[in-house]
Amino acid sequence: KIPASGEGLQESKVPAKVQSTFHIHLNGERPSNMVVNVIDPYGYYVDEVVSEASFDIVKVNYLPMKTGQYVIEILCDDDHISGSPFSVLIEELDPSPQLQISGNITEKNAFQFQEAAFIVIDQSKCGQTEVEVTIKETRP
């Protein structure tokens, strides 16, 4: 049977308001019909984006906006794949999410005039939010 895996199917790894992803591994099979349903705790269907990640892997993205128990159904040629339907608990994000910041101009690092500078801000654990960056020039 065709399996699926990824954080978007794991009970303890799926926060609300953050895009979740999982992969369907076709293992050489070519189903003529594939259906993916993501159903929220109130019975409404959640939009999902199904795309081919490679010749043998299908990638599925979805954005759970509400907390609670979700059901993910994956059917190939009208039959559930291995493990389907999946039950996934969507939980609220940590109320004090941490941005991951790296680069050569983080706090208290100095660099020379005309030297290339970069900063990387990873907000993947913060959900949908805005990040504002201000770079100030200070002179001794």
C-alpha atoms as a PDB file:
ATOM      1  CA  LYS A   1       0.000   0.000   0.000  1.00  0.00           C
ATOM      2  CA  ILE A   2       0.940   3.622  -0.479  1.00  0.00           C
ATOM      3  CA  PRO A   3       2.222   5.329   2.733  1.00  0.00           C
ATOM      4  CA  ALA A   4       2.273   8.987   3.779  1.00  0.00           C
ATOM      5  CA  SER A   5       4.562  10.765   6.238  1.00  0.00           C
ATOM      6  CA  GLY A   6       5.569  14.187   7.478  1.00  0.00           C
ATOM      7  CA  GLU A   7       5.027  16.695  10.274  1.00  0.00           C
ATOM      8  CA  GLY A   8       1.569  17.569   8.949  1.00  0.00           C
ATOM      9  CA  LEU A   9       0.381  14.084   9.932  1.00  0.00           C
ATOM     10  CA  GLN A  10       2.074  13.868  13.339  1.00  0.00           C
ATOM     11  CA  GLU A  11      -0.098  14.420  16.381  1.00  0.00           C
ATOM     12  CA  SER A  12       2.364  16.495  18.425  1.00  0.00           C
ATOM     13  CA  LYS A  13       3.989  18.562  15.685  1.00  0.00           C
ATOM     14  CA  VAL A  14       1.136  20.567  14.138  1.00  0.00           C
ATOM     15  CA  PRO A  15       0.447  24.100  15.449  1.00  0.00           C
ATOM     16  CA  ALA A  16      -2.533  26.216  14.393  1.00  0.00           C
ATOM     17  CA  LYS A  17      -1.980  29.034  11.890  1.00  0.00           C
ATOM     18  CA  VAL A  18       1.243  27.527  10.535  1.00  0.00           C
ATOM     19  CA  GLN A  19       1.428  25.813   7.151  1.00  0.00           C
ATOM     20  CA  SER A  20       1.812  22.067   7.559  1.00  0.00           C
ATOM     21  CA  THR A  21       3.235  19.617   5.033  1.00  0.00           C
ATOM     22  CA  PHE A  22       3.209  15.894   4.449  1.00  0.00           C
ATOM     23  CA  HIS A  23       4.258  13.619   1.602  1.00  0.00           C
ATOM     24  CA  ILE A  24       2.536  10.709  -0.122  1.00  0.00           C
ATOM     25  CA  HIS A  25       5.021   8.081  -1.323  1.00  0.00           C
ATOM     26  CA  LEU A  26       3.700   6.382  -4.458  1.00  0.00           C
ATOM     27  CA  ASN A  27       6.377   3.654  -4.498  1.00  0.00           C
ATOM     28  CA  GLY A  28       6.108   3.224  -8.251  1.00  0.00           C
ATOM     29  CA  GLU A  29       2.310   3.054  -8.294  1.00  0.00           C
ATOM     30  CA  ARG A  30       0.374   5.384 -10.582  1.00  0.00           C
ATOM     31  CA  PRO A  31      -3.175   5.802  -9.242  1.00  0.00           C
ATOM     32  CA  SER A  32      -5.610   7.222 -11.782  1.00  0.00           C
ATOM     33  CA  ASN A  33      -7.436   9.138  -9.043  1.00  0.00           C
ATOM     34  CA  MET A  34      -6.082  10.652  -5.811  1.00  0.00           C
ATOM     35  CA  VAL A  35      -8.244  12.514  -3.286  1.00  0.00           C
ATOM     36  CA  VAL A  36      -6.927  14.374  -0.234  1.00  0.00           C
ATOM     37  CA  ASN A  37      -9.401  15.762   2.297  1.00  0.00           C
ATOM     38  CA  VAL A  38      -8.381  17.808   5.340  1.00  0.00           C
ATOM     39  CA  ILE A  39     -11.388  18.201   7.635  1.00  0.00           C
ATOM     40  CA  ASP A  40     -11.377  20.582  10.615  1.00  0.00           C
ATOM     41  CA  PRO A  41     -12.975  19.862  14.038  1.00  0.00           C
ATOM     42  CA  TYR A  42     -16.281  21.385  12.873  1.00  0.00           C
ATOM     43  CA  GLY A  43     -16.557  19.217   9.747  1.00  0.00           C
ATOM     44  CA  TYR A  44     -15.431  21.875   7.256  1.00  0.00           C
ATOM     45  CA  TYR A  45     -12.959  21.060   4.509  1.00  0.00           C
ATOM     46  CA  VAL A  46      -9.656  22.919   4.698  1.00  0.00           C
ATOM     47  CA  ASP A  47      -8.020  24.010   1.450  1.00  0.00           C
ATOM     48  CA  GLU A  48      -4.967  21.978   0.636  1.00  0.00           C
ATOM     49  CA  VAL A  49      -2.385  22.314  -2.108  1.00  0.00           C
ATOM     50  CA  VAL A  50      -1.338  19.063  -3.730  1.00  0.00           C
ATOM     51  CA  SER A  51       1.771  19.166  -5.907  1.00  0.00           C
ATOM     52  CA  GLU A  52       4.261  16.695  -7.304  1.00  0.00           C
ATOM     53  CA  ALA A  53       7.488  16.963  -5.325  1.00  0.00           C
ATOM     54  CA  SER A  54       9.206  14.373  -7.507  1.00  0.00           C
ATOM     55  CA  PHE A  55       8.287  11.528  -9.835  1.00  0.00           C
ATOM     56  CA  ASP A  56       7.348   9.257  -6.938  1.00  0.00           C
ATOM     57  CA  ILE A  57       6.368  11.708  -4.169  1.00  0.00           C
ATOM     58  CA  VAL A  58       3.312  13.941  -3.860  1.00  0.00           C
ATOM     59  CA  LYS A  59       3.586  16.949  -1.532  1.00  0.00           C
ATOM     60  CA  VAL A  60       0.537  18.252   0.352  1.00  0.00           C
ATOM     61  CA  ASN A  61       0.392  21.609   2.176  1.00  0.00           C
ATOM     62  CA  TYR A  62      -2.491  22.815   4.336  1.00  0.00           C
ATOM     63  CA  LEU A  63      -3.064  25.678   6.770  1.00  0.00           C
ATOM     64  CA  PRO A  64      -5.066  24.716   9.882  1.00  0.00           C
ATOM     65  CA  MET A  65      -6.557  27.911  11.315  1.00  0.00           C
ATOM     66  CA  LYS A  66      -8.512  26.391  14.227  1.00  0.00           C
ATOM     67  CA  THR A  67      -7.362  24.225  17.100  1.00  0.00           C
ATOM     68  CA  GLY A  68      -8.834  20.773  17.689  1.00  0.00           C
ATOM     69  CA  GLN A  69      -8.921  17.283  16.171  1.00  0.00           C
ATOM     70  CA  TYR A  70      -8.547  17.195  12.362  1.00  0.00           C
ATOM     71  CA  VAL A  71      -9.133  14.242  10.051  1.00  0.00           C
ATOM     72  CA  ILE A  72      -6.965  13.791   6.963  1.00  0.00           C
ATOM     73  CA  GLU A  73      -8.206  11.329   4.371  1.00  0.00           C
ATOM     74  CA  ILE A  74      -6.006  10.180   1.497  1.00  0.00           C
ATOM     75  CA  LEU A  75      -7.610   7.958  -1.115  1.00  0.00           C
ATOM     76  CA  CYS A  76      -6.030   6.467  -4.223  1.00  0.00           C
ATOM     77  CA  ASP A  77      -8.432   4.909  -6.724  1.00  0.00           C
ATOM     78  CA  ASP A  78     -11.212   5.119  -4.084  1.00  0.00           C
ATOM     79  CA  ASP A  79      -9.232   3.178  -1.430  1.00  0.00           C
ATOM     80  CA  HIS A  80      -7.671   4.677   1.698  1.00  0.00           C
ATOM     81  CA  ILE A  81      -3.879   4.547   1.693  1.00  0.00           C
ATOM     82  CA  SER A  82      -1.988   2.978   4.601  1.00  0.00           C
ATOM     83  CA  GLY A  83      -2.914   4.781   7.852  1.00  0.00           C
ATOM     84  CA  SER A  84      -5.766   6.809   6.349  1.00  0.00           C
ATOM     85  CA  PRO A  85      -7.825   8.409   7.719  1.00  0.00           C
ATOM     86  CA  PHE A  86      -5.263  10.176   9.916  1.00  0.00           C
ATOM     87  CA  SER A  87      -6.256  11.953  13.135  1.00  0.00           C
ATOM     88  CA  VAL A  88      -4.186  15.051  13.902  1.00  0.00           C
ATOM     89  CA  LEU A  89      -4.528  17.299  16.939  1.00  0.00           C
ATOM     90  CA  ILE A  90      -3.917  20.933  16.037  1.00  0.00           C
ATOM     91  CA  GLU A  91      -2.799  22.981  19.022  1.00  0.00           C
ATOM     92  CA  GLU A  92      -2.231  26.643  19.770  1.00  0.00           C
ATOM     93  CA  LEU A  93       1.300  27.920  19.284  1.00  0.00           C
ATOM     94  CA  ASP A  94       3.502  28.699  22.264  1.00  0.00           C
ATOM     95  CA  PRO A  95       2.255  32.145  23.404  1.00  0.00           C
ATOM     96  CA  SER A  96       5.832  33.422  23.494  1.00  0.00           C
ATOM     97  CA  PRO A  97       7.342  32.143  20.235  1.00  0.00           C
ATOM     98  CA  GLN A  98      11.009  32.674  19.609  1.00  0.00           C
ATOM     99  CA  LEU A  99      12.478  34.050  16.427  1.00  0.00           C
ATOM    100  CA  GLN A 100      15.691  32.362  15.369  1.00  0.00           C
ATOM    101  CA  ILE A 101      18.166  35.039  14.292  1.00  0.00           C
ATOM    102  CA  SER A 102      21.544  34.418  12.716  1.00  0.00           C
ATOM    103  CA  GLY A 103      23.985  36.181  10.420  1.00  0.00           C
ATOM    104  CA  ASN A 104      27.077  38.331  10.668  1.00  0.00           C
ATOM    105  CA  ILE A 105      25.336  41.477  11.929  1.00  0.00           C
ATOM    106  CA  THR A 106      23.451  40.200  14.947  1.00  0.00           C
ATOM    107  CA  GLU A 107      23.595  42.236  18.131  1.00  0.00           C
ATOM    108  CA  LYS A 108      27.022  43.636  19.089  1.00  0.00           C
ATOM    109  CA  ASN A 109      28.819  42.262  16.015  1.00  0.00           C
ATOM    110  CA  ALA A 110      30.802  44.867  14.120  1.00  0.00           C
ATOM    111  CA  PHE A 111      31.672  44.820  10.451  1.00  0.00           C
ATOM    112  CA  GLN A 112      33.709  47.042   8.176  1.00  0.00           C
ATOM    113  CA  PHE A 113      32.431  49.708   5.785  1.00  0.00           C
ATOM    114  CA  GLN A 114      31.416  48.150   2.435  1.00  0.00           C
ATOM    115  CA  GLU A 115      31.690  44.645   3.886  1.00  0.00           C
ATOM    116  CA  ALA A 116      28.804  42.370   2.884  1.00  0.00           C
ATOM    117  CA  ALA A 117      26.407  41.925   5.765  1.00  0.00           C
ATOM    118  CA  PHE A 118      23.527  39.515   6.203  1.00  0.00           C
ATOM    119  CA  ILE A 119      20.940  38.514   8.729  1.00  0.00           C
ATOM    120  CA  VAL A 120      18.598  35.517   8.634  1.00  0.00           C
ATOM    121  CA  ILE A 121      15.303  35.605  10.538  1.00  0.00           C
ATOM    122  CA  ASP A 122      13.489  32.290  10.891  1.00  0.00           C
ATOM    123  CA  GLN A 123       9.905  32.894  11.998  1.00  0.00           C
ATOM    124  CA  SER A 124       8.628  29.396  11.136  1.00  0.00           C
ATOM    125  CA  LYS A 125       7.738  28.682  14.779  1.00  0.00           C
ATOM    126  CA  CYS A 126       5.851  31.971  15.177  1.00  0.00           C
ATOM    127  CA  GLY A 127       2.858  31.355  12.929  1.00  0.00           C
ATOM    128  CA  GLN A 128       1.569  34.052  10.642  1.00  0.00           C
ATOM    129  CA  THR A 129       3.061  37.261  11.936  1.00  0.00           C
ATOM    130  CA  GLU A 130       4.886  40.338  10.754  1.00  0.00           C
ATOM    131  CA  VAL A 131       8.535  40.942  11.493  1.00  0.00           C
ATOM    132  CA  GLU A 132      10.038  44.400  11.328  1.00  0.00           C
ATOM    133  CA  VAL A 133      13.792  44.883  11.047  1.00  0.00           C
ATOM    134  CA  THR A 134      15.518  48.223  11.649  1.00  0.00           C
ATOM    135  CA  ILE A 135      19.189  48.673  10.875  1.00  0.00           C
ATOM    136  CA  LYS A 136      20.748  51.756  12.413  1.00  0.00           C
ATOM    137  CA  GLU A 137      24.113  53.250  11.706  1.00  0.00           C
ATOM    138  CA  THR A 138      26.024  54.172  14.823  1.00  0.00           C
ATOM    139  CA  ARG A 139      29.202  56.172  14.805  1.00  0.00           C
ATOM    140  CA  PRO A 140      31.808  56.101  17.575  1.00  0.00           C
END
